[in-house]
């Protein structure tokens, strides 16, 4: 069982949230700091993690911010890409399971993480796929030692080539929007249309 690798004390699940990208398709904006539904994109992702597991250790790989509360680290070099960012974040994790998440998932909820955790239990991990069946590598949950071992053996820069050979369970989200990130001004506008409405069911 992978869970035997957990520290005897402390949370069973941690999260590494990648928040240091250049956001070129957004004109270089501070994407994790953009406000959707009354909070920043990064705050929303961390809130989903804490709603799922209140004592989770959250490691944000990116510039330090006053909110949300988390442990902030930087990859070396800063902006070096998702694999160096995962290395930097995972080095701070001591929990048995690690959610690997993008910082721009405005519709991600605790229930989505719970479903990933259940699907990951018997194997190396679980990752959501989009409507076309493509794995969304930054919306997944893994046994930490599986990730650690993969990083020790891998010298490349592709997250897909790092994680794909591990054979995670591919899971369709209950709500397709859970894997909808905000990579473009258009996707940001759609998320704001959805989440800025006072009567939206996700509010509150």
Foldseek 3Di string as FASTA:
>chain_A
DLQVQADPDFDQEAEEEEQQAQLVQAVRDSQQQDDALHGGLQQQVVVQVCVLPVRHAYEYAHDDDPPDDHHYDHFVVRNPADLSSCVGRLVPDRHQKYQQAYSFQNPAHNVLVVVFCVQAVPFFWEFEAAPVRHTLLRGIMGGSVLLVVLSVVDDDRDSCVSPVVRDHHYDHDPDNSRSQGPSHPVSSVVSNVQNVDPPRPVRD
